[in-house]
Amino acid sequence: MSDQFMTIIDNLAAGLPSLLGHFFATLLLLAAAVAIYMAVTPFRERALVEQGNAAAGTVLAGAIVAMAIPLAVLLATSGLIVDIIVWGVITLLLQLMTVGLVSLLLHGLRKRIDAGNVEAAMVLAAAQIAVGLLNAAVMVPN
């Protein structure tokens, strides 16, 4: 085997444990954030999704994507798990604030989601993803 190939294998062996550690820590953080989000928001996403409520599925999907975007940026730009945890908590708080703000702007949002109003769910999901993108953008080092 060539020296170049062996160098690649050596680098992979050296970096893979760190990569997997960061990935699984971030995945665990995302799962925890989604669980907290579902416990705190006024929607019963899990039950509604199991009943086939597309609006609840849209809201939950928007929340998951919106929280994953900043975490992905952190994985790409930070080598410290503590950074990922701190900014992950901030991401969750921003998402909860987004739900609160959209709920104020769209009166009866919970009832709309419960009734399967996909249009209202899309507004909330879009706001969540927009906040997630903006959150991610401010975390990128200059």
N, C-alpha and C. Protein backbone atom coordinates (compact mmCIF):
# COMPACT_ATOMS: atom_id res chain seq x y z
N MET A 1 0.84 -1.18 0.00
CA MET A 1 0.00 0.00 0.00
C MET A 1 0.88 1.24 0.00
N SER A 2 0.33 2.28 -0.58
CA SER A 2 1.11 3.51 -0.69
C SER A 2 1.14 4.25 0.65
N ASP A 3 2.16 5.09 0.77
CA ASP A 3 2.30 5.88 1.99
C ASP A 3 1.12 6.85 2.15
N GLN A 4 0.64 7.35 1.02
CA GLN A 4 -0.49 8.29 1.06
C GLN A 4 -1.75 7.59 1.61
N PHE A 5 -2.00 6.38 1.16
CA PHE A 5 -3.16 5.62 1.63
C PHE A 5 -3.04 5.35 3.13
N MET A 6 -1.86 4.97 3.58
CA MET A 6 -1.65 4.70 5.01
C MET A 6 -1.82 5.96 5.84
N THR A 7 -1.41 7.10 5.30
CA THR A 7 -1.61 8.37 6.00
C THR A 7 -3.10 8.66 6.17
N ILE A 8 -3.87 8.39 5.13
CA ILE A 8 -5.32 8.58 5.21
C ILE A 8 -5.92 7.67 6.27
N ILE A 9 -5.52 6.42 6.29
CA ILE A 9 -6.02 5.46 7.27
C ILE A 9 -5.64 5.89 8.69
N ASP A 10 -4.40 6.34 8.87
CA ASP A 10 -3.94 6.80 10.19
C ASP A 10 -4.75 8.01 10.65
N ASN A 11 -4.98 8.96 9.75
CA ASN A 11 -5.76 10.15 10.09
C ASN A 11 -7.20 9.78 10.43
N LEU A 12 -7.76 8.85 9.69
CA LEU A 12 -9.12 8.39 9.97
C LEU A 12 -9.19 7.74 11.35
N ALA A 13 -8.23 6.89 11.65
CA ALA A 13 -8.22 6.22 12.95
C ALA A 13 -8.05 7.22 14.09
N ALA A 14 -7.29 8.28 13.85
CA ALA A 14 -7.07 9.29 14.88
C ALA A 14 -8.30 10.19 15.07
N GLY A 15 -9.00 10.52 13.98
CA GLY A 15 -10.10 11.48 14.06
C GLY A 15 -11.47 10.88 14.25
N LEU A 16 -11.65 9.62 13.89
CA LEU A 16 -12.97 9.00 13.95
C LEU A 16 -13.59 8.98 15.34
N PRO A 17 -12.85 8.64 16.39
CA PRO A 17 -13.48 8.66 17.72
C PRO A 17 -14.03 10.04 18.10
N SER A 18 -13.28 11.08 17.79
CA SER A 18 -13.74 12.45 18.08
C SER A 18 -14.98 12.79 17.26
N LEU A 19 -14.95 12.45 15.99
CA LEU A 19 -16.09 12.71 15.10
C LEU A 19 -17.34 12.01 15.62
N LEU A 20 -17.21 10.74 15.96
CA LEU A 20 -18.36 9.99 16.46
C LEU A 20 -18.85 10.53 17.80
N GLY A 21 -17.93 10.92 18.65
CA GLY A 21 -18.31 11.51 19.94
C GLY A 21 -19.11 12.78 19.77
N HIS A 22 -18.62 13.67 18.91
CA HIS A 22 -19.34 14.92 18.64
C HIS A 22 -20.69 14.65 18.00
N PHE A 23 -20.71 13.74 17.04
CA PHE A 23 -21.96 13.44 16.34
C PHE A 23 -23.02 12.90 17.30
N PHE A 24 -22.65 11.89 18.09
CA PHE A 24 -23.63 11.29 18.99
C PHE A 24 -24.02 12.22 20.12
N ALA A 25 -23.10 13.05 20.60
CA ALA A 25 -23.46 14.05 21.63
C ALA A 25 -24.46 15.04 21.06
N THR A 26 -24.25 15.46 19.83
CA THR A 26 -25.16 16.41 19.19
C THR A 26 -26.51 15.76 18.90
N LEU A 27 -26.49 14.52 18.47
CA LEU A 27 -27.74 13.79 18.22
C LEU A 27 -28.53 13.63 19.52
N LEU A 28 -27.85 13.32 20.60
CA LEU A 28 -28.50 13.20 21.91
C LEU A 28 -29.07 14.55 22.34
N LEU A 29 -28.31 15.61 22.12
CA LEU A 29 -28.79 16.96 22.45
C LEU A 29 -30.03 17.31 21.63
N LEU A 30 -30.02 16.97 20.35
CA LEU A 30 -31.19 17.24 19.50
C LEU A 30 -32.40 16.47 20.01
N ALA A 31 -32.22 15.21 20.35
CA ALA A 31 -33.33 14.40 20.86
C ALA A 31 -33.87 14.99 22.17
N ALA A 32 -32.97 15.40 23.05
CA ALA A 32 -33.39 16.00 24.31
C ALA A 32 -34.14 17.32 24.07
N ALA A 33 -33.62 18.13 23.15
CA ALA A 33 -34.27 19.40 22.84
C ALA A 33 -35.67 19.18 22.26
N VAL A 34 -35.81 18.20 21.39
CA VAL A 34 -37.13 17.89 20.81
C VAL A 34 -38.08 17.40 21.90
N ALA A 35 -37.59 16.56 22.80
CA ALA A 35 -38.43 16.06 23.90
C ALA A 35 -38.88 17.21 24.80
N ILE A 36 -37.97 18.11 25.13
CA ILE A 36 -38.32 19.27 25.96
C ILE A 36 -39.30 20.16 25.22
N TYR A 37 -39.05 20.40 23.94
CA TYR A 37 -39.93 21.21 23.11
C TYR A 37 -41.35 20.63 23.14
N MET A 38 -41.46 19.31 22.95
CA MET A 38 -42.78 18.68 22.93
C MET A 38 -43.45 18.73 24.30
N ALA A 39 -42.67 18.72 25.37
CA ALA A 39 -43.25 18.78 26.71
C ALA A 39 -43.73 20.18 27.07
N VAL A 40 -43.06 21.20 26.52
CA VAL A 40 -43.33 22.58 26.92
C VAL A 40 -44.37 23.27 26.03
N THR A 41 -44.38 22.96 24.75
CA THR A 41 -45.30 23.65 23.85
C THR A 41 -46.73 23.19 24.12
N PRO A 42 -47.71 24.00 23.72
CA PRO A 42 -49.11 23.66 24.01
C PRO A 42 -49.69 22.56 23.11
N PHE A 43 -48.94 22.13 22.13
CA PHE A 43 -49.43 21.12 21.21
C PHE A 43 -49.15 19.72 21.75
N ARG A 44 -49.98 18.79 21.41
CA ARG A 44 -49.75 17.38 21.74
C ARG A 44 -49.28 16.69 20.46
N GLU A 45 -48.09 17.09 20.00
CA GLU A 45 -47.62 16.66 18.69
C GLU A 45 -47.65 15.15 18.50
N ARG A 46 -47.11 14.44 19.47
CA ARG A 46 -47.00 12.99 19.31
C ARG A 46 -48.37 12.34 19.13
N ALA A 47 -49.29 12.67 20.01
CA ALA A 47 -50.63 12.09 19.93
C ALA A 47 -51.32 12.50 18.64
N LEU A 48 -51.18 13.77 18.27
CA LEU A 48 -51.83 14.26 17.06
C LEU A 48 -51.24 13.62 15.81
N VAL A 49 -49.93 13.45 15.78
CA VAL A 49 -49.28 12.81 14.63
C VAL A 49 -49.75 11.36 14.52
N GLU A 50 -49.84 10.68 15.65
CA GLU A 50 -50.32 9.29 15.63
C GLU A 50 -51.75 9.19 15.12
N GLN A 51 -52.52 10.27 15.27
CA GLN A 51 -53.90 10.31 14.78
C GLN A 51 -53.97 10.72 13.31
N GLY A 52 -52.82 11.04 12.73
CA GLY A 52 -52.79 11.43 11.33
C GLY A 52 -52.97 12.92 11.09
N ASN A 53 -52.70 13.73 12.10
CA ASN A 53 -52.85 15.18 11.99
C ASN A 53 -51.62 15.76 11.28
N ALA A 54 -51.81 16.15 10.02
CA ALA A 54 -50.69 16.67 9.22
C ALA A 54 -50.18 18.00 9.75
N ALA A 55 -51.05 18.80 10.34
CA ALA A 55 -50.62 20.09 10.89
C ALA A 55 -49.63 19.88 12.04
N ALA A 56 -49.94 18.95 12.92
CA ALA A 56 -49.03 18.66 14.03
C ALA A 56 -47.71 18.10 13.51
N GLY A 57 -47.78 17.26 12.49
CA GLY A 57 -46.57 16.72 11.89
C GLY A 57 -45.72 17.82 11.28
N THR A 58 -46.37 18.78 10.66
CA THR A 58 -45.66 19.91 10.04
C THR A 58 -44.96 20.75 11.10
N VAL A 59 -45.66 21.02 12.20
CA VAL A 59 -45.07 21.80 13.29
C VAL A 59 -43.88 21.07 13.90
N LEU A 60 -44.06 19.79 14.16
CA LEU A 60 -42.96 19.02 14.76
C LEU A 60 -41.77 18.91 13.81
N ALA A 61 -42.03 18.68 12.54
CA ALA A 61 -40.95 18.61 11.55
C ALA A 61 -40.21 19.95 11.48
N GLY A 62 -40.96 21.04 11.48
CA GLY A 62 -40.33 22.36 11.45
C GLY A 62 -39.44 22.59 12.66
N ALA A 63 -39.90 22.15 13.83
CA ALA A 63 -39.11 22.32 15.05
C ALA A 63 -37.83 21.50 15.00
N ILE A 64 -37.95 20.26 14.53
CA ILE A 64 -36.77 19.39 14.46
C ILE A 64 -35.73 19.98 13.51
N VAL A 65 -36.17 20.38 12.32
CA VAL A 65 -35.24 20.96 11.34
C VAL A 65 -34.64 22.26 11.89
N ALA A 66 -35.50 23.08 12.49
CA ALA A 66 -35.03 24.38 13.00
C ALA A 66 -34.01 24.22 14.12
N MET A 67 -34.10 23.17 14.90
CA MET A 67 -33.11 22.96 15.95
C MET A 67 -31.87 22.24 15.41
N ALA A 68 -32.04 21.44 14.37
CA ALA A 68 -30.90 20.71 13.80
C ALA A 68 -29.96 21.63 13.02
N ILE A 69 -30.49 22.66 12.38
CA ILE A 69 -29.66 23.54 11.55
C ILE A 69 -28.54 24.20 12.38
N PRO A 70 -28.85 24.87 13.49
CA PRO A 70 -27.75 25.46 14.27
C PRO A 70 -26.79 24.41 14.84
N LEU A 71 -27.32 23.27 15.23
CA LEU A 71 -26.45 22.22 15.75
C LEU A 71 -25.49 21.71 14.67
N ALA A 72 -25.98 21.63 13.44
CA ALA A 72 -25.12 21.22 12.32
C ALA A 72 -24.01 22.24 12.10
N VAL A 73 -24.35 23.51 12.19
CA VAL A 73 -23.33 24.55 12.03
C VAL A 73 -22.29 24.45 13.14
N LEU A 74 -22.75 24.17 14.35
CA LEU A 74 -21.80 24.01 15.45
C LEU A 74 -20.87 22.83 15.23
N LEU A 75 -21.41 21.74 14.71
CA LEU A 75 -20.55 20.59 14.41
C LEU A 75 -19.47 20.96 13.40
N ALA A 76 -19.84 21.81 12.46
CA ALA A 76 -18.90 22.18 11.40
C ALA A 76 -17.88 23.22 11.85
N THR A 77 -18.21 24.01 12.88
CA THR A 77 -17.34 25.14 13.21
C THR A 77 -16.70 25.07 14.59
N SER A 78 -17.15 24.16 15.45
CA SER A 78 -16.62 24.12 16.81
C SER A 78 -16.06 22.74 17.11
N GLY A 79 -14.97 22.73 17.81
CA GLY A 79 -14.38 21.47 18.22
C GLY A 79 -14.70 21.11 19.65
N LEU A 80 -15.51 21.94 20.32
CA LEU A 80 -15.78 21.73 21.73
C LEU A 80 -17.23 21.29 21.95
N ILE A 81 -17.41 20.20 22.64
CA ILE A 81 -18.77 19.73 22.93
C ILE A 81 -19.49 20.73 23.82
N VAL A 82 -18.78 21.41 24.70
CA VAL A 82 -19.43 22.39 25.57
C VAL A 82 -20.05 23.52 24.76
N ASP A 83 -19.42 23.94 23.67
CA ASP A 83 -20.01 24.94 22.77
C ASP A 83 -21.33 24.44 22.20
N ILE A 84 -21.32 23.20 21.78
CA ILE A 84 -22.51 22.61 21.18
C ILE A 84 -23.64 22.55 22.22
N ILE A 85 -23.32 22.21 23.44
CA ILE A 85 -24.34 22.13 24.49
C ILE A 85 -24.90 23.51 24.81
N VAL A 86 -24.03 24.48 25.02
CA VAL A 86 -24.48 25.84 25.36
C VAL A 86 -25.35 26.41 24.25
N TRP A 87 -24.86 26.35 23.02
CA TRP A 87 -25.63 26.90 21.91
C TRP A 87 -26.86 26.05 21.61
N GLY A 88 -26.82 24.77 21.92
CA GLY A 88 -28.00 23.93 21.77
C GLY A 88 -29.12 24.37 22.70
N VAL A 89 -28.76 24.73 23.93
CA VAL A 89 -29.75 25.24 24.88
C VAL A 89 -30.32 26.57 24.39
N ILE A 90 -29.46 27.42 23.87
CA ILE A 90 -29.92 28.71 23.32
C ILE A 90 -30.85 28.47 22.13
N THR A 91 -30.51 27.49 21.29
CA THR A 91 -31.36 27.14 20.15
C THR A 91 -32.75 26.73 20.63
N LEU A 92 -32.81 25.89 21.65
CA LEU A 92 -34.10 25.45 22.18
C LEU A 92 -34.89 26.65 22.71
N LEU A 93 -34.24 27.52 23.46
CA LEU A 93 -34.93 28.69 24.01
C LEU A 93 -35.47 29.58 22.90
N LEU A 94 -34.68 29.78 21.85
CA LEU A 94 -35.15 30.60 20.73
C LEU A 94 -36.35 29.96 20.04
N GLN A 95 -36.36 28.64 19.93
CA GLN A 95 -37.50 27.96 19.31
C GLN A 95 -38.76 28.09 20.17
N LEU A 96 -38.60 27.99 21.47
CA LEU A 96 -39.75 28.15 22.36
C LEU A 96 -40.28 29.58 22.30
N MET A 97 -39.38 30.56 22.20
CA MET A 97 -39.80 31.95 22.06
C MET A 97 -40.51 32.16 20.72
N THR A 98 -40.06 31.49 19.68
CA THR A 98 -40.70 31.59 18.38
C THR A 98 -42.13 31.06 18.43
N VAL A 99 -42.33 29.93 19.08
CA VAL A 99 -43.68 29.38 19.23
C VAL A 99 -44.56 30.37 19.98
N GLY A 100 -44.02 30.95 21.04
CA GLY A 100 -44.78 31.94 21.81
C GLY A 100 -45.15 33.15 20.98
N LEU A 101 -44.21 33.66 20.20
CA LEU A 101 -44.47 34.85 19.38
C LEU A 101 -45.49 34.55 18.28
N VAL A 102 -45.33 33.44 17.59
CA VAL A 102 -46.27 33.08 16.53
C VAL A 102 -47.65 32.82 17.13
N SER A 103 -47.70 32.25 18.32
CA SER A 103 -48.99 32.03 18.99
C SER A 103 -49.69 33.35 19.29
N LEU A 104 -48.91 34.37 19.63
CA LEU A 104 -49.50 35.70 19.87
C LEU A 104 -50.03 36.31 18.57
N LEU A 105 -49.31 36.08 17.48
CA LEU A 105 -49.70 36.66 16.20
C LEU A 105 -50.85 35.91 15.53
N LEU A 106 -50.90 34.61 15.71
CA LEU A 106 -51.98 33.79 15.13
C LEU A 106 -52.87 33.30 16.27
N HIS A 107 -53.88 34.07 16.57
CA HIS A 107 -54.77 33.73 17.69
C HIS A 107 -55.37 32.35 17.48
N GLY A 108 -55.43 31.59 18.56
CA GLY A 108 -56.02 30.26 18.51
C GLY A 108 -55.14 29.24 17.79
N LEU A 109 -53.84 29.43 17.82
CA LEU A 109 -52.93 28.54 17.09
C LEU A 109 -53.07 27.09 17.55
N ARG A 110 -53.18 26.88 18.85
CA ARG A 110 -53.30 25.51 19.34
C ARG A 110 -54.55 24.85 18.78
N LYS A 111 -55.66 25.55 18.80
CA LYS A 111 -56.91 24.98 18.27
C LYS A 111 -56.78 24.71 16.77
N ARG A 112 -56.09 25.60 16.07
CA ARG A 112 -55.89 25.41 14.62
C ARG A 112 -55.07 24.15 14.34
N ILE A 113 -54.01 23.97 15.12
CA ILE A 113 -53.16 22.79 14.93
C ILE A 113 -53.95 21.53 15.29
N ASP A 114 -54.66 21.59 16.43
CA ASP A 114 -55.48 20.45 16.84
C ASP A 114 -56.50 20.08 15.77
N ALA A 115 -57.03 21.09 15.09
CA ALA A 115 -58.04 20.86 14.05
C ALA A 115 -57.43 20.44 12.71
N GLY A 116 -56.09 20.42 12.64
CA GLY A 116 -55.43 19.98 11.41
C GLY A 116 -55.22 21.08 10.39
N ASN A 117 -55.21 22.32 10.82
CA ASN A 117 -55.02 23.46 9.92
C ASN A 117 -53.55 23.52 9.49
N VAL A 118 -53.26 22.94 8.33
CA VAL A 118 -51.88 22.86 7.83
C VAL A 118 -51.34 24.24 7.49
N GLU A 119 -52.19 25.14 7.05
CA GLU A 119 -51.73 26.48 6.69
C GLU A 119 -51.13 27.20 7.90
N ALA A 120 -51.81 27.11 9.05
CA ALA A 120 -51.27 27.72 10.27
C ALA A 120 -49.99 27.01 10.70
N ALA A 121 -49.96 25.70 10.55
CA ALA A 121 -48.77 24.94 10.90
C ALA A 121 -47.59 25.34 10.02
N MET A 122 -47.84 25.60 8.75
CA MET A 122 -46.77 25.99 7.84
C MET A 122 -46.18 27.34 8.23
N VAL A 123 -47.02 28.26 8.70
CA VAL A 123 -46.52 29.56 9.15
C VAL A 123 -45.60 29.37 10.35
N LEU A 124 -46.03 28.56 11.30
CA LEU A 124 -45.18 28.30 12.47
C LEU A 124 -43.89 27.59 12.07
N ALA A 125 -43.99 26.57 11.24
CA ALA A 125 -42.79 25.84 10.81
C ALA A 125 -41.83 26.75 10.07
N ALA A 126 -42.36 27.62 9.21
CA ALA A 126 -41.51 28.56 8.46
C ALA A 126 -40.81 29.52 9.42
N ALA A 127 -41.54 30.02 10.41
CA ALA A 127 -40.93 30.93 11.39
C ALA A 127 -39.84 30.21 12.18
N GLN A 128 -40.11 28.96 12.56
CA GLN A 128 -39.12 28.20 13.32
C GLN A 128 -37.85 27.97 12.49
N ILE A 129 -38.02 27.59 11.24
CA ILE A 129 -36.85 27.34 10.38
C ILE A 129 -36.10 28.63 10.12
N ALA A 130 -36.82 29.74 9.92
CA ALA A 130 -36.16 31.03 9.71
C ALA A 130 -35.32 31.41 10.93
N VAL A 131 -35.87 31.24 12.12
CA VAL A 131 -35.12 31.54 13.34
C VAL A 131 -33.93 30.60 13.47
N GLY A 132 -34.12 29.32 13.13
CA GLY A 132 -33.01 28.37 13.17
C GLY A 132 -31.88 28.77 12.23
N LEU A 133 -32.24 29.22 11.03
CA LEU A 133 -31.22 29.66 10.07
C LEU A 133 -30.49 30.91 10.56
N LEU A 134 -31.24 31.88 11.09
CA LEU A 134 -30.61 33.08 11.61
C LEU A 134 -29.72 32.76 12.82
N ASN A 135 -30.21 31.89 13.66
CA ASN A 135 -29.44 31.45 14.83
C ASN A 135 -28.12 30.81 14.35
N ALA A 136 -28.20 29.96 13.37
CA ALA A 136 -27.00 29.31 12.83
C ALA A 136 -26.03 30.33 12.24
N ALA A 137 -26.57 31.32 11.53
CA ALA A 137 -25.72 32.31 10.87
C ALA A 137 -24.91 33.12 11.87
N VAL A 138 -25.50 33.46 13.02
CA VAL A 138 -24.75 34.26 13.99
C VAL A 138 -23.69 33.45 14.71
N MET A 139 -23.74 32.13 14.60
CA MET A 139 -22.76 31.29 15.27
C MET A 139 -21.53 31.02 14.41
N VAL A 140 -21.59 31.35 13.13
CA VAL A 140 -20.47 31.11 12.25
C VAL A 140 -19.38 32.15 12.52
N PRO A 141 -18.18 31.69 12.84
CA PRO A 141 -17.10 32.66 13.12
C PRO A 141 -16.77 33.48 11.89
N ASN A 142 -16.42 34.73 12.14
CA ASN A 142 -16.05 35.62 11.03
C ASN A 142 -14.63 35.39 10.58
